[in-house]
Every structure is written in structure tokens, then in C-alpha cells.
């Protein structure tokens, strides 16, 4: 099966690199669980430019983005931007799973379960 080409804004590449080099504590914790194809053999990338946005984590094969939301995402203007970003990702065929900093720090087991659940559902729907 041929990979879908996903557009991205090349001007975001350097900013994404800066974000990777200045990851938050929760992004680092999450990356330790996703890197090196640890999650069912799927390859995740961090701070991946897609369209005019940057996703915290992205797996092309699963068409899955994972976002870790800090305190600022509780603010209405940030929440509204997140909603627009989610809508655009969905238009591109990408599903977004969102987790709060607190979930990643204090409930990583259930965060990973949610990602595993998505993967199992994805595999079941694509093997029929």
C-alpha cells in the first residue's frame, strides 16, 4: 500500500527542531515510551510538521497524532486553536489523541492503554 503524502509548511522545520531540542518533561516521558518502535513496532516521530501545524508525536503508518497538553491548553483561545488543529488533522485523515501533562506524569499506564487501544482498533479495521 502506498503511503499518503501529507503536506507540510517547510518553514516549520526549524521550529520543530527547536521544539525537539527543548522538549517538556512530559514530552520526554512520552517519547521514552514511543521511540524505537516500542509501541507494537510502529515508528513515531516527535515534533512533526504537518500542514501548518506541528504535532507532538506522529505515526505515518497509523495516521495517528498524539498531543500532550500543558496548562495553557485550558485557556479558551488555546482550546479554540486546538479545535481548529484537530479539525484540519481529521481532514487530512489523521486521528489525534490528546492527553494532559497530568495524565502523562501520573497515569502513564492508562495513556499507553489508550494508544494501544487505538492501534488494536486500527489493525482490526485494516485487516478485514
C-alpha atoms as a PDB file:
ATOM      1  CA  UNK A   1       0.000   0.000   0.000  1.00  0.00           C
ATOM      2  CA  UNK A   2       1.368   3.400  -0.999  1.00  0.00           C
ATOM      3  CA  UNK A   3       1.880   5.986   1.736  1.00  0.00           C
ATOM      4  CA  UNK A   4      -0.344   9.030   1.601  1.00  0.00           C
ATOM      5  CA  UNK A   5       1.613  12.242   1.034  1.00  0.00           C
ATOM      6  CA  UNK A   6       0.905  14.687   3.825  1.00  0.00           C
ATOM      7  CA  UNK A   7       1.580  18.368   3.135  1.00  0.00           C
ATOM      8  CA  UNK A   8       3.686  20.456   5.491  1.00  0.00           C
ATOM      9  CA  UNK A   9       4.958  24.005   5.679  1.00  0.00           C
ATOM     10  CA  UNK A  10       8.770  23.835   5.170  1.00  0.00           C
ATOM     11  CA  UNK A  11       9.155  26.993   7.269  1.00  0.00           C
ATOM     12  CA  UNK A  12       8.129  24.927  10.311  1.00  0.00           C
ATOM     13  CA  UNK A  13      11.089  22.524  10.052  1.00  0.00           C
ATOM     14  CA  UNK A  14      13.494  24.675  12.053  1.00  0.00           C
ATOM     15  CA  UNK A  15      10.870  25.486  14.693  1.00  0.00           C
ATOM     16  CA  UNK A  16      10.096  21.758  15.028  1.00  0.00           C
ATOM     17  CA  UNK A  17      13.822  21.091  15.540  1.00  0.00           C
ATOM     18  CA  UNK A  18      13.900  23.738  18.287  1.00  0.00           C
ATOM     19  CA  UNK A  19      10.887  22.127  19.961  1.00  0.00           C
ATOM     20  CA  UNK A  20      12.600  18.719  19.847  1.00  0.00           C
ATOM     21  CA  UNK A  21      15.705  20.213  21.436  1.00  0.00           C
ATOM     22  CA  UNK A  22      13.635  21.904  24.164  1.00  0.00           C
ATOM     23  CA  UNK A  23      11.090  19.199  24.979  1.00  0.00           C
ATOM     24  CA  UNK A  24       8.929  19.439  28.072  1.00  0.00           C
ATOM     25  CA  UNK A  25       9.282  16.881  30.849  1.00  0.00           C
ATOM     26  CA  UNK A  26       6.032  15.195  29.812  1.00  0.00           C
ATOM     27  CA  UNK A  27       7.057  15.051  26.141  1.00  0.00           C
ATOM     28  CA  UNK A  28      10.295  13.352  27.194  1.00  0.00           C
ATOM     29  CA  UNK A  29       8.381  10.814  29.322  1.00  0.00           C
ATOM     30  CA  UNK A  30       6.054  10.059  26.423  1.00  0.00           C
ATOM     31  CA  UNK A  31       8.907   9.837  23.926  1.00  0.00           C
ATOM     32  CA  UNK A  32      10.643   7.249  26.131  1.00  0.00           C
ATOM     33  CA  UNK A  33       7.575   5.021  25.592  1.00  0.00           C
ATOM     34  CA  UNK A  34       7.136   5.645  21.843  1.00  0.00           C
ATOM     35  CA  UNK A  35      10.656   5.811  20.410  1.00  0.00           C
ATOM     36  CA  UNK A  36      12.427   2.916  18.785  1.00  0.00           C
ATOM     37  CA  UNK A  37       9.210   1.260  17.585  1.00  0.00           C
ATOM     38  CA  UNK A  38       8.367   0.186  21.155  1.00  0.00           C
ATOM     39  CA  UNK A  39       4.641   0.603  20.561  1.00  0.00           C
ATOM     40  CA  UNK A  40       3.679  -2.543  18.630  1.00  0.00           C
ATOM     41  CA  UNK A  41       6.518  -1.941  16.162  1.00  0.00           C
ATOM     42  CA  UNK A  42       5.180   1.394  14.899  1.00  0.00           C
ATOM     43  CA  UNK A  43       7.551   4.248  14.106  1.00  0.00           C
ATOM     44  CA  UNK A  44       6.672   7.508  15.847  1.00  0.00           C
ATOM     45  CA  UNK A  45       8.287  10.879  15.186  1.00  0.00           C
ATOM     46  CA  UNK A  46       8.278  13.819  17.553  1.00  0.00           C
ATOM     47  CA  UNK A  47       7.523  17.443  16.765  1.00  0.00           C
ATOM     48  CA  UNK A  48       6.412  16.561  13.247  1.00  0.00           C
ATOM     49  CA  UNK A  49       5.372  19.401  10.898  1.00  0.00           C
ATOM     50  CA  UNK A  50       2.073  18.634   9.184  1.00  0.00           C
ATOM     51  CA  UNK A  51       0.274  21.232   7.100  1.00  0.00           C
ATOM     52  CA  UNK A  52       0.672  24.493   9.065  1.00  0.00           C
ATOM     53  CA  UNK A  53       0.931  22.746  12.435  1.00  0.00           C
ATOM     54  CA  UNK A  54       3.415  20.728  14.460  1.00  0.00           C
ATOM     55  CA  UNK A  55       2.223  17.553  16.167  1.00  0.00           C
ATOM     56  CA  UNK A  56       3.960  16.469  19.373  1.00  0.00           C
ATOM     57  CA  UNK A  57       4.113  12.866  18.107  1.00  0.00           C
ATOM     58  CA  UNK A  58       3.092  11.329  14.809  1.00  0.00           C
ATOM     59  CA  UNK A  59       2.986   7.857  13.269  1.00  0.00           C
ATOM     60  CA  UNK A  60       2.502   7.935   9.498  1.00  0.00           C
ATOM     61  CA  UNK A  61       1.569   4.262   9.202  1.00  0.00           C
ATOM     62  CA  UNK A  62      -1.214   4.642  11.787  1.00  0.00           C
ATOM     63  CA  UNK A  63      -2.140   8.175  10.673  1.00  0.00           C
ATOM     64  CA  UNK A  64      -2.088   8.963  14.392  1.00  0.00           C
ATOM     65  CA  UNK A  65      -1.045  12.152  16.119  1.00  0.00           C
ATOM     66  CA  UNK A  66      -0.541  12.413  19.867  1.00  0.00           C
ATOM     67  CA  UNK A  67      -0.694  15.764  21.607  1.00  0.00           C
ATOM     68  CA  UNK A  68       0.419  16.444  25.186  1.00  0.00           C
ATOM     69  CA  UNK A  69      -1.409  19.465  26.553  1.00  0.00           C
ATOM     70  CA  UNK A  70       0.020  21.652  29.273  1.00  0.00           C
ATOM     71  CA  UNK A  71      -1.829  24.177  31.414  1.00  0.00           C
ATOM     72  CA  UNK A  72      -2.148  26.744  28.598  1.00  0.00           C
ATOM     73  CA  UNK A  73      -4.482  24.407  26.703  1.00  0.00           C
ATOM     74  CA  UNK A  74      -7.145  25.161  29.339  1.00  0.00           C
ATOM     75  CA  UNK A  75      -7.296  28.759  28.116  1.00  0.00           C
ATOM     76  CA  UNK A  76     -10.218  29.353  25.766  1.00  0.00           C
ATOM     77  CA  UNK A  77      -8.135  30.847  22.930  1.00  0.00           C
ATOM     78  CA  UNK A  78      -5.670  27.918  23.017  1.00  0.00           C
ATOM     79  CA  UNK A  79      -8.560  25.437  23.244  1.00  0.00           C
ATOM     80  CA  UNK A  80     -10.144  27.041  20.161  1.00  0.00           C
ATOM     81  CA  UNK A  81      -6.838  26.760  18.251  1.00  0.00           C
ATOM     82  CA  UNK A  82      -6.592  23.092  19.301  1.00  0.00           C
ATOM     83  CA  UNK A  83     -10.109  22.507  17.963  1.00  0.00           C
ATOM     84  CA  UNK A  84      -9.166  24.034  14.589  1.00  0.00           C
ATOM     85  CA  UNK A  85      -5.936  22.000  14.514  1.00  0.00           C
ATOM     86  CA  UNK A  86      -7.854  18.770  15.286  1.00  0.00           C
ATOM     87  CA  UNK A  87     -10.370  19.528  12.531  1.00  0.00           C
ATOM     88  CA  UNK A  88      -7.574  20.088   9.996  1.00  0.00           C
ATOM     89  CA  UNK A  89      -5.781  16.896  11.020  1.00  0.00           C
ATOM     90  CA  UNK A  90      -9.047  14.965  10.648  1.00  0.00           C
ATOM     91  CA  UNK A  91      -9.464  16.442   7.142  1.00  0.00           C
ATOM     92  CA  UNK A  92      -6.027  15.014   6.324  1.00  0.00           C
ATOM     93  CA  UNK A  93      -7.107  11.606   7.658  1.00  0.00           C
ATOM     94  CA  UNK A  94      -5.141  11.908  10.909  1.00  0.00           C
ATOM     95  CA  UNK A  95      -6.660  10.936  14.247  1.00  0.00           C
ATOM     96  CA  UNK A  96      -5.488  12.955  17.263  1.00  0.00           C
ATOM     97  CA  UNK A  97      -5.242  11.560  20.777  1.00  0.00           C
ATOM     98  CA  UNK A  98      -4.872  14.291  23.415  1.00  0.00           C
ATOM     99  CA  UNK A  99      -3.504  13.814  26.901  1.00  0.00           C
ATOM    100  CA  UNK A 100      -2.839  16.327  29.653  1.00  0.00           C
ATOM    101  CA  UNK A 101       0.537  16.758  31.321  1.00  0.00           C
ATOM    102  CA  UNK A 102      -1.018  15.290  34.483  1.00  0.00           C
ATOM    103  CA  UNK A 103      -2.176  12.149  32.675  1.00  0.00           C
ATOM    104  CA  UNK A 104       1.314  11.546  31.272  1.00  0.00           C
ATOM    105  CA  UNK A 105       3.033  12.247  34.596  1.00  0.00           C
ATOM    106  CA  UNK A 106       0.665  10.419  36.933  1.00  0.00           C
ATOM    107  CA  UNK A 107      -1.281   7.920  34.823  1.00  0.00           C
ATOM    108  CA  UNK A 108       1.080   6.785  32.059  1.00  0.00           C
ATOM    109  CA  UNK A 109      -0.353   3.260  32.209  1.00  0.00           C
ATOM    110  CA  UNK A 110      -3.770   4.439  31.011  1.00  0.00           C
ATOM    111  CA  UNK A 111      -2.226   6.824  28.454  1.00  0.00           C
ATOM    112  CA  UNK A 112      -0.398   3.865  26.931  1.00  0.00           C
ATOM    113  CA  UNK A 113      -3.564   1.775  27.103  1.00  0.00           C
ATOM    114  CA  UNK A 114      -5.407   4.422  25.075  1.00  0.00           C
ATOM    115  CA  UNK A 115      -2.667   4.377  22.420  1.00  0.00           C
ATOM    116  CA  UNK A 116      -2.666   0.561  22.399  1.00  0.00           C
ATOM    117  CA  UNK A 117      -6.461   0.559  22.050  1.00  0.00           C
ATOM    118  CA  UNK A 118      -6.189   2.858  19.022  1.00  0.00           C
ATOM    119  CA  UNK A 119      -3.546   0.578  17.457  1.00  0.00           C
ATOM    120  CA  UNK A 120      -5.601  -2.578  18.019  1.00  0.00           C
ATOM    121  CA  UNK A 121      -8.712  -0.923  16.517  1.00  0.00           C
ATOM    122  CA  UNK A 122      -6.632   0.332  13.573  1.00  0.00           C
ATOM    123  CA  UNK A 123      -5.177  -3.111  12.911  1.00  0.00           C
ATOM    124  CA  UNK A 124      -8.551  -4.821  13.176  1.00  0.00           C
ATOM    125  CA  UNK A 125     -10.216  -2.380  10.782  1.00  0.00           C
ATOM    126  CA  UNK A 126      -7.371  -2.625   8.252  1.00  0.00           C
ATOM    127  CA  UNK A 127      -7.063  -6.419   8.293  1.00  0.00           C
ATOM    128  CA  UNK A 128     -10.645  -7.084   7.238  1.00  0.00           C
END
